[in-house]
């Protein structure tokens, strides 16, 4: 049977991907960020993860505002990485496991999540920015990805509680899959940032730290927050943090944090956190 072995929360700032592609891993401005991912990549290699389930959002690349689904799941053998204006990235296409993806899609619909299914669509920095910091890619990725896009752009948005329950439903789907696969769930976005308007450049480290503590120990409290609460506390784009709730929902009730790196150097509180389930 497939099994979830851990969870990762990560920012998906597009400039992370640009800096990675330009080899800025040792640049003084970027080194603290890249070094923060090394323990997570090491853990993934040691655990020999077969699958990463990404809860991320599309930035009007796969979809556009005339048809923007609340939840969408990619089913396909591969997905091209989008050119978002900086040129084609030197990365192989994202690999997919059609049987697993189709199983999750069917299970979610049967679990009353009426999810959109997409194929052959490019995937942008919501998934592709952190991916090469987690997994090596030469000559190819070591495993497959299940891309699950969550709408945090086009109102009305799903609630944090709905995203949390989506994660729980994904867990049920994975645990009902007969093949022995080691699965890691990844929630992307955030933390605090606002990139437009009167509060452009806004961050709140105290809120970020509070969010991380609640995510680990009392996630239900985060599910009670409204979108406006996230916006007021962390800036307009911090509503992305509801995607971390999907990752958390896919984990068990008790988890332990193995690693955290928090780096506020630009407009976004760039964060990566690694979790395992706590059997104690």
C-alpha atoms as a PDB file:
ATOM      1  CA  UNK A   1       0.000   0.000   0.000  1.00  0.00           C
ATOM      2  CA  UNK A   2       1.118   3.562  -0.635  1.00  0.00           C
ATOM      3  CA  UNK A   3       2.129   5.489   2.472  1.00  0.00           C
ATOM      4  CA  UNK A   4       2.711   9.131   3.339  1.00  0.00           C
ATOM      5  CA  UNK A   5       6.108   9.395   5.025  1.00  0.00           C
ATOM      6  CA  UNK A   6       6.326  13.134   5.618  1.00  0.00           C
ATOM      7  CA  UNK A   7       5.370  16.641   4.660  1.00  0.00           C
ATOM      8  CA  UNK A   8       7.145  19.759   3.431  1.00  0.00           C
ATOM      9  CA  UNK A   9       6.063  23.378   3.491  1.00  0.00           C
ATOM     10  CA  UNK A  10       7.928  25.696   1.146  1.00  0.00           C
ATOM     11  CA  UNK A  11       7.765  29.116  -0.403  1.00  0.00           C
ATOM     12  CA  UNK A  12       7.529  29.204  -4.180  1.00  0.00           C
ATOM     13  CA  UNK A  13       8.966  32.649  -4.937  1.00  0.00           C
ATOM     14  CA  UNK A  14       9.743  32.747  -8.689  1.00  0.00           C
ATOM     15  CA  UNK A  15      13.131  34.375  -8.144  1.00  0.00           C
ATOM     16  CA  UNK A  16      14.234  31.249  -6.258  1.00  0.00           C
ATOM     17  CA  UNK A  17      14.044  29.383  -9.557  1.00  0.00           C
ATOM     18  CA  UNK A  18      15.814  32.184 -11.428  1.00  0.00           C
ATOM     19  CA  UNK A  19      18.627  32.280  -8.859  1.00  0.00           C
ATOM     20  CA  UNK A  20      18.937  28.492  -8.990  1.00  0.00           C
ATOM     21  CA  UNK A  21      19.157  28.449 -12.773  1.00  0.00           C
ATOM     22  CA  UNK A  22      21.820  31.183 -12.709  1.00  0.00           C
ATOM     23  CA  UNK A  23      23.952  29.244 -10.225  1.00  0.00           C
ATOM     24  CA  UNK A  24      23.648  31.702  -7.348  1.00  0.00           C
ATOM     25  CA  UNK A  25      23.722  29.020  -4.654  1.00  0.00           C
ATOM     26  CA  UNK A  26      26.896  30.532  -3.124  1.00  0.00           C
ATOM     27  CA  UNK A  27      25.934  34.167  -3.639  1.00  0.00           C
ATOM     28  CA  UNK A  28      25.897  35.844  -0.182  1.00  0.00           C
ATOM     29  CA  UNK A  29      22.351  37.080  -0.746  1.00  0.00           C
ATOM     30  CA  UNK A  30      21.057  33.639  -1.714  1.00  0.00           C
ATOM     31  CA  UNK A  31      23.252  31.166   0.185  1.00  0.00           C
ATOM     32  CA  UNK A  32      21.144  31.209   3.391  1.00  0.00           C
ATOM     33  CA  UNK A  33      18.094  30.297   1.316  1.00  0.00           C
ATOM     34  CA  UNK A  34      19.696  27.449  -0.617  1.00  0.00           C
ATOM     35  CA  UNK A  35      21.500  26.072   2.438  1.00  0.00           C
ATOM     36  CA  UNK A  36      18.156  25.889   4.197  1.00  0.00           C
ATOM     37  CA  UNK A  37      16.914  23.357   1.657  1.00  0.00           C
ATOM     38  CA  UNK A  38      19.906  21.025   1.914  1.00  0.00           C
ATOM     39  CA  UNK A  39      18.652  19.078   4.987  1.00  0.00           C
ATOM     40  CA  UNK A  40      15.288  18.586   3.287  1.00  0.00           C
ATOM     41  CA  UNK A  41      16.876  17.299   0.077  1.00  0.00           C
ATOM     42  CA  UNK A  42      19.090  14.995   2.156  1.00  0.00           C
ATOM     43  CA  UNK A  43      16.066  13.630   4.023  1.00  0.00           C
ATOM     44  CA  UNK A  44      14.186  12.985   0.761  1.00  0.00           C
ATOM     45  CA  UNK A  45      17.186  11.107  -0.641  1.00  0.00           C
ATOM     46  CA  UNK A  46      17.592   9.030   2.517  1.00  0.00           C
ATOM     47  CA  UNK A  47      13.891   8.179   2.639  1.00  0.00           C
ATOM     48  CA  UNK A  48      13.889   7.351  -1.097  1.00  0.00           C
ATOM     49  CA  UNK A  49      10.615   9.126  -1.717  1.00  0.00           C
ATOM     50  CA  UNK A  50       8.845   7.853  -4.829  1.00  0.00           C
ATOM     51  CA  UNK A  51       6.213  10.572  -5.148  1.00  0.00           C
ATOM     52  CA  UNK A  52       5.789  14.230  -4.240  1.00  0.00           C
ATOM     53  CA  UNK A  53       2.197  15.454  -4.031  1.00  0.00           C
ATOM     54  CA  UNK A  54       2.336  19.220  -4.605  1.00  0.00           C
ATOM     55  CA  UNK A  55      -0.414  21.497  -3.303  1.00  0.00           C
ATOM     56  CA  UNK A  56       0.399  24.702  -5.149  1.00  0.00           C
ATOM     57  CA  UNK A  57      -1.262  27.501  -7.054  1.00  0.00           C
ATOM     58  CA  UNK A  58      -1.075  28.362 -10.710  1.00  0.00           C
ATOM     59  CA  UNK A  59      -0.248  31.973 -11.594  1.00  0.00           C
ATOM     60  CA  UNK A  60      -2.423  32.233 -14.731  1.00  0.00           C
ATOM     61  CA  UNK A  61      -0.102  29.898 -16.652  1.00  0.00           C
ATOM     62  CA  UNK A  62      -1.911  26.562 -16.709  1.00  0.00           C
ATOM     63  CA  UNK A  63      -5.272  28.323 -16.430  1.00  0.00           C
ATOM     64  CA  UNK A  64      -6.530  31.865 -16.911  1.00  0.00           C
ATOM     65  CA  UNK A  65      -9.189  33.965 -15.250  1.00  0.00           C
ATOM     66  CA  UNK A  66     -11.861  33.144 -17.808  1.00  0.00           C
ATOM     67  CA  UNK A  67     -11.738  29.525 -16.603  1.00  0.00           C
ATOM     68  CA  UNK A  68      -9.962  29.109 -13.278  1.00  0.00           C
ATOM     69  CA  UNK A  69     -10.821  25.971 -11.276  1.00  0.00           C
ATOM     70  CA  UNK A  70     -10.999  25.847  -7.499  1.00  0.00           C
ATOM     71  CA  UNK A  71      -9.081  22.554  -7.353  1.00  0.00           C
ATOM     72  CA  UNK A  72      -7.335  20.889 -10.299  1.00  0.00           C
ATOM     73  CA  UNK A  73      -5.252  17.719 -10.520  1.00  0.00           C
ATOM     74  CA  UNK A  74      -2.816  16.884 -13.298  1.00  0.00           C
ATOM     75  CA  UNK A  75      -2.999  13.416 -14.844  1.00  0.00           C
ATOM     76  CA  UNK A  76      -0.265  12.658 -17.345  1.00  0.00           C
ATOM     77  CA  UNK A  77       3.099  11.033 -17.919  1.00  0.00           C
ATOM     78  CA  UNK A  78       4.831  14.410 -18.052  1.00  0.00           C
ATOM     79  CA  UNK A  79       4.220  18.138 -17.712  1.00  0.00           C
ATOM     80  CA  UNK A  80       6.395  20.831 -19.304  1.00  0.00           C
ATOM     81  CA  UNK A  81       7.839  23.506 -17.049  1.00  0.00           C
ATOM     82  CA  UNK A  82       6.466  26.882 -18.083  1.00  0.00           C
ATOM     83  CA  UNK A  83       8.521  29.709 -19.539  1.00  0.00           C
ATOM     84  CA  UNK A  84       7.371  32.647 -17.409  1.00  0.00           C
ATOM     85  CA  UNK A  85       9.462  35.283 -19.134  1.00  0.00           C
ATOM     86  CA  UNK A  86      12.986  34.344 -18.083  1.00  0.00           C
ATOM     87  CA  UNK A  87      13.376  31.714 -20.795  1.00  0.00           C
ATOM     88  CA  UNK A  88      12.982  27.963 -20.754  1.00  0.00           C
ATOM     89  CA  UNK A  89      14.440  26.521 -17.575  1.00  0.00           C
ATOM     90  CA  UNK A  90      17.254  23.936 -17.822  1.00  0.00           C
ATOM     91  CA  UNK A  91      15.097  21.282 -16.162  1.00  0.00           C
ATOM     92  CA  UNK A  92      13.509  18.104 -17.525  1.00  0.00           C
ATOM     93  CA  UNK A  93       9.710  17.893 -17.722  1.00  0.00           C
ATOM     94  CA  UNK A  94       7.964  16.961 -14.505  1.00  0.00           C
ATOM     95  CA  UNK A  95       7.256  13.238 -14.440  1.00  0.00           C
ATOM     96  CA  UNK A  96       3.841  11.824 -13.627  1.00  0.00           C
ATOM     97  CA  UNK A  97       2.417   8.459 -12.582  1.00  0.00           C
ATOM     98  CA  UNK A  98      -0.859   8.235 -14.495  1.00  0.00           C
ATOM     99  CA  UNK A  99      -2.240   5.288 -12.550  1.00  0.00           C
ATOM    100  CA  UNK A 100      -1.670   6.977  -9.198  1.00  0.00           C
ATOM    101  CA  UNK A 101      -2.909  10.362 -10.385  1.00  0.00           C
ATOM    102  CA  UNK A 102      -6.063   8.850 -11.877  1.00  0.00           C
ATOM    103  CA  UNK A 103      -6.683   6.894  -8.682  1.00  0.00           C
ATOM    104  CA  UNK A 104      -6.413  10.046  -6.581  1.00  0.00           C
ATOM    105  CA  UNK A 105      -8.702  11.936  -8.960  1.00  0.00           C
ATOM    106  CA  UNK A 106     -11.379   9.238  -8.817  1.00  0.00           C
ATOM    107  CA  UNK A 107     -11.033   8.876  -5.063  1.00  0.00           C
ATOM    108  CA  UNK A 108     -11.425  12.628  -4.554  1.00  0.00           C
ATOM    109  CA  UNK A 109     -14.585  12.761  -6.653  1.00  0.00           C
ATOM    110  CA  UNK A 110     -16.004   9.810  -4.732  1.00  0.00           C
ATOM    111  CA  UNK A 111     -15.061  11.701  -1.566  1.00  0.00           C
ATOM    112  CA  UNK A 112     -17.184  14.635  -2.815  1.00  0.00           C
ATOM    113  CA  UNK A 113     -14.350  16.839  -4.086  1.00  0.00           C
ATOM    114  CA  UNK A 114     -15.444  17.694  -7.624  1.00  0.00           C
ATOM    115  CA  UNK A 115     -11.947  18.238  -8.908  1.00  0.00           C
ATOM    116  CA  UNK A 116     -10.911  19.433 -12.362  1.00  0.00           C
ATOM    117  CA  UNK A 117      -8.499  17.144 -14.227  1.00  0.00           C
ATOM    118  CA  UNK A 118      -5.932  18.582 -16.634  1.00  0.00           C
ATOM    119  CA  UNK A 119      -3.379  17.091 -19.028  1.00  0.00           C
ATOM    120  CA  UNK A 120      -0.441  18.343 -21.106  1.00  0.00           C
ATOM    121  CA  UNK A 121      -0.433  21.765 -19.457  1.00  0.00           C
ATOM    122  CA  UNK A 122       2.689  23.703 -18.442  1.00  0.00           C
ATOM    123  CA  UNK A 123       3.343  24.034 -14.719  1.00  0.00           C
ATOM    124  CA  UNK A 124       4.769  27.271 -13.362  1.00  0.00           C
ATOM    125  CA  UNK A 125       6.818  28.391 -10.379  1.00  0.00           C
ATOM    126  CA  UNK A 126       4.118  27.423  -7.901  1.00  0.00           C
ATOM    127  CA  UNK A 127       5.540  23.910  -8.171  1.00  0.00           C
ATOM    128  CA  UNK A 128       8.666  24.261 -10.308  1.00  0.00           C
ATOM    129  CA  UNK A 129      10.478  26.931  -8.292  1.00  0.00           C
ATOM    130  CA  UNK A 130      11.175  24.794  -5.185  1.00  0.00           C
ATOM    131  CA  UNK A 131      11.234  21.406  -6.946  1.00  0.00           C
ATOM    132  CA  UNK A 132      14.950  21.334  -7.964  1.00  0.00           C
ATOM    133  CA  UNK A 133      15.922  22.386  -4.442  1.00  0.00           C
ATOM    134  CA  UNK A 134      14.199  19.262  -3.138  1.00  0.00           C
ATOM    135  CA  UNK A 135      15.071  16.686  -5.799  1.00  0.00           C
ATOM    136  CA  UNK A 136      18.073  16.289  -8.120  1.00  0.00           C
ATOM    137  CA  UNK A 137      17.195  16.462 -11.803  1.00  0.00           C
ATOM    138  CA  UNK A 138      20.189  15.114 -13.733  1.00  0.00           C
ATOM    139  CA  UNK A 139      19.632  13.161 -15.862  1.00  0.00           C
ATOM    140  CA  UNK A 140      16.008  13.095 -14.657  1.00  0.00           C
ATOM    141  CA  UNK A 141      13.870  13.492 -11.563  1.00  0.00           C
ATOM    142  CA  UNK A 142      14.137  10.522  -9.157  1.00  0.00           C
ATOM    143  CA  UNK A 143      10.364  10.165  -8.829  1.00  0.00           C
ATOM    144  CA  UNK A 144       6.989  11.428  -9.943  1.00  0.00           C
ATOM    145  CA  UNK A 145       4.825  14.393  -9.000  1.00  0.00           C
ATOM    146  CA  UNK A 146       1.091  14.652  -8.404  1.00  0.00           C
ATOM    147  CA  UNK A 147       0.284  18.329  -9.109  1.00  0.00           C
ATOM    148  CA  UNK A 148      -2.793  19.626  -7.285  1.00  0.00           C
ATOM    149  CA  UNK A 149      -3.499  23.273  -8.065  1.00  0.00           C
ATOM    150  CA  UNK A 150      -5.528  25.321  -5.583  1.00  0.00           C
ATOM    151  CA  UNK A 151      -7.142  28.629  -6.475  1.00  0.00           C
ATOM    152  CA  UNK A 152      -5.761  31.448  -4.337  1.00  0.00           C
ATOM    153  CA  UNK A 153      -6.016  34.097  -7.082  1.00  0.00           C
ATOM    154  CA  UNK A 154      -9.561  34.367  -8.419  1.00  0.00           C
ATOM    155  CA  UNK A 155     -12.266  35.051  -5.860  1.00  0.00           C
ATOM    156  CA  UNK A 156     -14.170  33.261  -4.458  1.00  0.00           C
ATOM    157  CA  UNK A 157     -11.352  31.190  -2.945  1.00  0.00           C
ATOM    158  CA  UNK A 158     -11.719  27.896  -1.091  1.00  0.00           C
ATOM    159  CA  UNK A 159     -11.611  28.277   2.674  1.00  0.00           C
ATOM    160  CA  UNK A 160      -8.686  27.141   4.761  1.00  0.00           C
ATOM    161  CA  UNK A 161     -10.927  24.462   6.234  1.00  0.00           C
ATOM    162  CA  UNK A 162     -11.803  23.186   2.760  1.00  0.00           C
ATOM    163  CA  UNK A 163      -8.109  23.018   1.860  1.00  0.00           C
ATOM    164  CA  UNK A 164      -7.397  21.130   5.089  1.00  0.00           C
ATOM    165  CA  UNK A 165     -10.154  18.647   4.272  1.00  0.00           C
ATOM    166  CA  UNK A 166      -8.760  18.276   0.759  1.00  0.00           C
ATOM    167  CA  UNK A 167      -5.501  17.133   2.309  1.00  0.00           C
ATOM    168  CA  UNK A 168      -7.371  14.613   4.448  1.00  0.00           C
ATOM    169  CA  UNK A 169      -9.138  13.296   1.349  1.00  0.00           C
ATOM    170  CA  UNK A 170      -5.828  12.999  -0.502  1.00  0.00           C
ATOM    171  CA  UNK A 171      -4.477  10.970   2.400  1.00  0.00           C
ATOM    172  CA  UNK A 172      -7.412   8.566   2.142  1.00  0.00           C
ATOM    173  CA  UNK A 173      -6.799   8.267  -1.597  1.00  0.00           C
ATOM    174  CA  UNK A 174      -3.105   7.516  -1.157  1.00  0.00           C
ATOM    175  CA  UNK A 175      -3.668   4.975   1.587  1.00  0.00           C
ATOM    176  CA  UNK A 176      -6.136   3.105  -0.634  1.00  0.00           C
ATOM    177  CA  UNK A 177      -3.645   2.789  -3.506  1.00  0.00           C
ATOM    178  CA  UNK A 178      -2.362  -0.814  -3.703  1.00  0.00           C
ATOM    179  CA  UNK A 179       1.193  -0.177  -4.927  1.00  0.00           C
ATOM    180  CA  UNK A 180       3.967   0.221  -2.353  1.00  0.00           C
ATOM    181  CA  UNK A 181       4.971   3.865  -2.788  1.00  0.00           C
ATOM    182  CA  UNK A 182       6.646   6.287  -0.408  1.00  0.00           C
ATOM    183  CA  UNK A 183       4.802   9.589  -0.702  1.00  0.00           C
ATOM    184  CA  UNK A 184       5.676  13.048   0.593  1.00  0.00           C
ATOM    185  CA  UNK A 185       3.097  15.847   0.573  1.00  0.00           C
ATOM    186  CA  UNK A 186       4.253  19.393  -0.188  1.00  0.00           C
ATOM    187  CA  UNK A 187       2.375  22.619   0.502  1.00  0.00           C
ATOM    188  CA  UNK A 188       3.725  25.724  -1.214  1.00  0.00           C
ATOM    189  CA  UNK A 189       3.328  29.491  -1.000  1.00  0.00           C
ATOM    190  CA  UNK A 190       3.891  32.275   1.511  1.00  0.00           C
ATOM    191  CA  UNK A 191       4.789  33.083   4.045  1.00  0.00           C
ATOM    192  CA  UNK A 192       3.966  36.737   4.720  1.00  0.00           C
ATOM    193  CA  UNK A 193       4.204  39.030   1.713  1.00  0.00           C
ATOM    194  CA  UNK A 194       2.343  41.582  -0.340  1.00  0.00           C
ATOM    195  CA  UNK A 195       3.602  42.538  -3.785  1.00  0.00           C
ATOM    196  CA  UNK A 196       1.154  45.270  -4.770  1.00  0.00           C
ATOM    197  CA  UNK A 197      -0.945  48.129  -3.452  1.00  0.00           C
ATOM    198  CA  UNK A 198      -0.422  50.445  -0.507  1.00  0.00           C
ATOM    199  CA  UNK A 199       1.108  47.708   1.646  1.00  0.00           C
ATOM    200  CA  UNK A 200       3.527  46.420  -0.998  1.00  0.00           C
ATOM    201  CA  UNK A 201       6.577  45.019   0.772  1.00  0.00           C
ATOM    202  CA  UNK A 202       4.639  44.182   3.942  1.00  0.00           C
ATOM    203  CA  UNK A 203       5.812  41.300   6.168  1.00  0.00           C
ATOM    204  CA  UNK A 204       5.050  40.163   9.699  1.00  0.00           C
ATOM    205  CA  UNK A 205       7.589  37.780  11.211  1.00  0.00           C
ATOM    206  CA  UNK A 206       5.571  37.384  14.416  1.00  0.00           C
ATOM    207  CA  UNK A 207       2.587  36.166  12.397  1.00  0.00           C
ATOM    208  CA  UNK A 208       4.782  33.811  10.387  1.00  0.00           C
ATOM    209  CA  UNK A 209       6.140  32.237  13.574  1.00  0.00           C
ATOM    210  CA  UNK A 210       2.651  31.961  15.048  1.00  0.00           C
ATOM    211  CA  UNK A 211       1.375  30.328  11.870  1.00  0.00           C
ATOM    212  CA  UNK A 212       4.175  27.742  11.938  1.00  0.00           C
ATOM    213  CA  UNK A 213       3.482  26.863  15.573  1.00  0.00           C
ATOM    214  CA  UNK A 214      -0.248  26.519  14.996  1.00  0.00           C
ATOM    215  CA  UNK A 215       0.314  24.486  11.843  1.00  0.00           C
ATOM    216  CA  UNK A 216       2.316  21.950  13.804  1.00  0.00           C
ATOM    217  CA  UNK A 217       0.288  21.768  16.999  1.00  0.00           C
ATOM    218  CA  UNK A 218      -3.186  23.272  16.450  1.00  0.00           C
ATOM    219  CA  UNK A 219      -3.979  23.329  12.723  1.00  0.00           C
ATOM    220  CA  UNK A 220      -7.709  23.458  13.403  1.00  0.00           C
ATOM    221  CA  UNK A 221      -7.287  27.013  14.680  1.00  0.00           C
ATOM    222  CA  UNK A 222      -5.862  28.026  11.318  1.00  0.00           C
ATOM    223  CA  UNK A 223      -8.845  26.484   9.547  1.00  0.00           C
ATOM    224  CA  UNK A 224     -11.129  28.844  11.475  1.00  0.00           C
ATOM    225  CA  UNK A 225      -9.490  31.942   9.985  1.00  0.00           C
ATOM    226  CA  UNK A 226     -11.113  33.799   7.125  1.00  0.00           C
ATOM    227  CA  UNK A 227      -9.201  34.930   4.062  1.00  0.00           C
ATOM    228  CA  UNK A 228      -9.236  38.495   5.336  1.00  0.00           C
ATOM    229  CA  UNK A 229      -7.468  37.340   8.516  1.00  0.00           C
ATOM    230  CA  UNK A 230      -4.559  35.986   6.478  1.00  0.00           C
ATOM    231  CA  UNK A 231      -4.472  39.155   4.375  1.00  0.00           C
ATOM    232  CA  UNK A 232      -4.504  41.477   7.384  1.00  0.00           C
ATOM    233  CA  UNK A 233      -1.880  39.524   9.313  1.00  0.00           C
ATOM    234  CA  UNK A 234       0.504  38.559   6.526  1.00  0.00           C
ATOM    235  CA  UNK A 235      -0.272  40.661   3.463  1.00  0.00           C
ATOM    236  CA  UNK A 236      -2.482  39.991   0.461  1.00  0.00           C
ATOM    237  CA  UNK A 237      -0.435  37.118  -0.939  1.00  0.00           C
ATOM    238  CA  UNK A 238      -0.119  35.346   2.410  1.00  0.00           C
ATOM    239  CA  UNK A 239      -3.514  33.822   1.699  1.00  0.00           C
ATOM    240  CA  UNK A 240      -1.349  31.253  -0.116  1.00  0.00           C
ATOM    241  CA  UNK A 241      -0.708  29.750   3.311  1.00  0.00           C
ATOM    242  CA  UNK A 242      -4.004  27.880   3.083  1.00  0.00           C
ATOM    243  CA  UNK A 243      -2.151  25.518   0.730  1.00  0.00           C
ATOM    244  CA  UNK A 244       0.074  24.539   3.648  1.00  0.00           C
ATOM    245  CA  UNK A 245      -3.153  23.453   5.351  1.00  0.00           C
ATOM    246  CA  UNK A 246      -3.704  20.887   2.593  1.00  0.00           C
ATOM    247  CA  UNK A 247      -0.261  19.463   3.302  1.00  0.00           C
ATOM    248  CA  UNK A 248      -1.015  19.452   7.035  1.00  0.00           C
ATOM    249  CA  UNK A 249      -4.383  17.794   6.500  1.00  0.00           C
ATOM    250  CA  UNK A 250      -2.692  14.954   4.640  1.00  0.00           C
ATOM    251  CA  UNK A 251      -0.540  14.233   7.702  1.00  0.00           C
ATOM    252  CA  UNK A 252      -1.677  12.618  10.922  1.00  0.00           C
ATOM    253  CA  UNK A 253      -2.984  14.481  13.976  1.00  0.00           C
ATOM    254  CA  UNK A 254       0.448  14.558  15.650  1.00  0.00           C
ATOM    255  CA  UNK A 255       3.544  15.650  13.762  1.00  0.00           C
ATOM    256  CA  UNK A 256       7.045  16.790  14.627  1.00  0.00           C
ATOM    257  CA  UNK A 257       9.082  19.377  12.797  1.00  0.00           C
ATOM    258  CA  UNK A 258      12.497  18.103  11.771  1.00  0.00           C
ATOM    259  CA  UNK A 259      13.804  21.253  10.113  1.00  0.00           C
ATOM    260  CA  UNK A 260      12.933  24.915   9.584  1.00  0.00           C
ATOM    261  CA  UNK A 261      14.662  27.647   7.606  1.00  0.00           C
ATOM    262  CA  UNK A 262      13.169  31.149   7.637  1.00  0.00           C
ATOM    263  CA  UNK A 263      14.826  33.801   5.464  1.00  0.00           C
ATOM    264  CA  UNK A 264      13.348  37.253   5.037  1.00  0.00           C
ATOM    265  CA  UNK A 265      15.673  38.967   2.579  1.00  0.00           C
ATOM    266  CA  UNK A 266      13.361  40.371  -0.074  1.00  0.00           C
ATOM    267  CA  UNK A 267       9.608  40.920  -0.293  1.00  0.00           C
ATOM    268  CA  UNK A 268       8.687  37.427   0.906  1.00  0.00           C
ATOM    269  CA  UNK A 269       9.394  35.503   4.094  1.00  0.00           C
ATOM    270  CA  UNK A 270      10.980  32.560   2.269  1.00  0.00           C
ATOM    271  CA  UNK A 271      10.500  29.458   4.372  1.00  0.00           C
ATOM    272  CA  UNK A 272      11.005  25.717   4.167  1.00  0.00           C
ATOM    273  CA  UNK A 273       9.869  23.284   6.859  1.00  0.00           C
ATOM    274  CA  UNK A 274      10.058  19.493   7.083  1.00  0.00           C
ATOM    275  CA  UNK A 275       7.659  17.329   9.074  1.00  0.00           C
ATOM    276  CA  UNK A 276       7.222  13.688  10.004  1.00  0.00           C
ATOM    277  CA  UNK A 277       4.320  12.065  11.771  1.00  0.00           C
ATOM    278  CA  UNK A 278       4.828  11.609  15.504  1.00  0.00           C
ATOM    279  CA  UNK A 279       3.702   8.206  16.672  1.00  0.00           C
ATOM    280  CA  UNK A 280       4.207   9.088  20.352  1.00  0.00           C
END
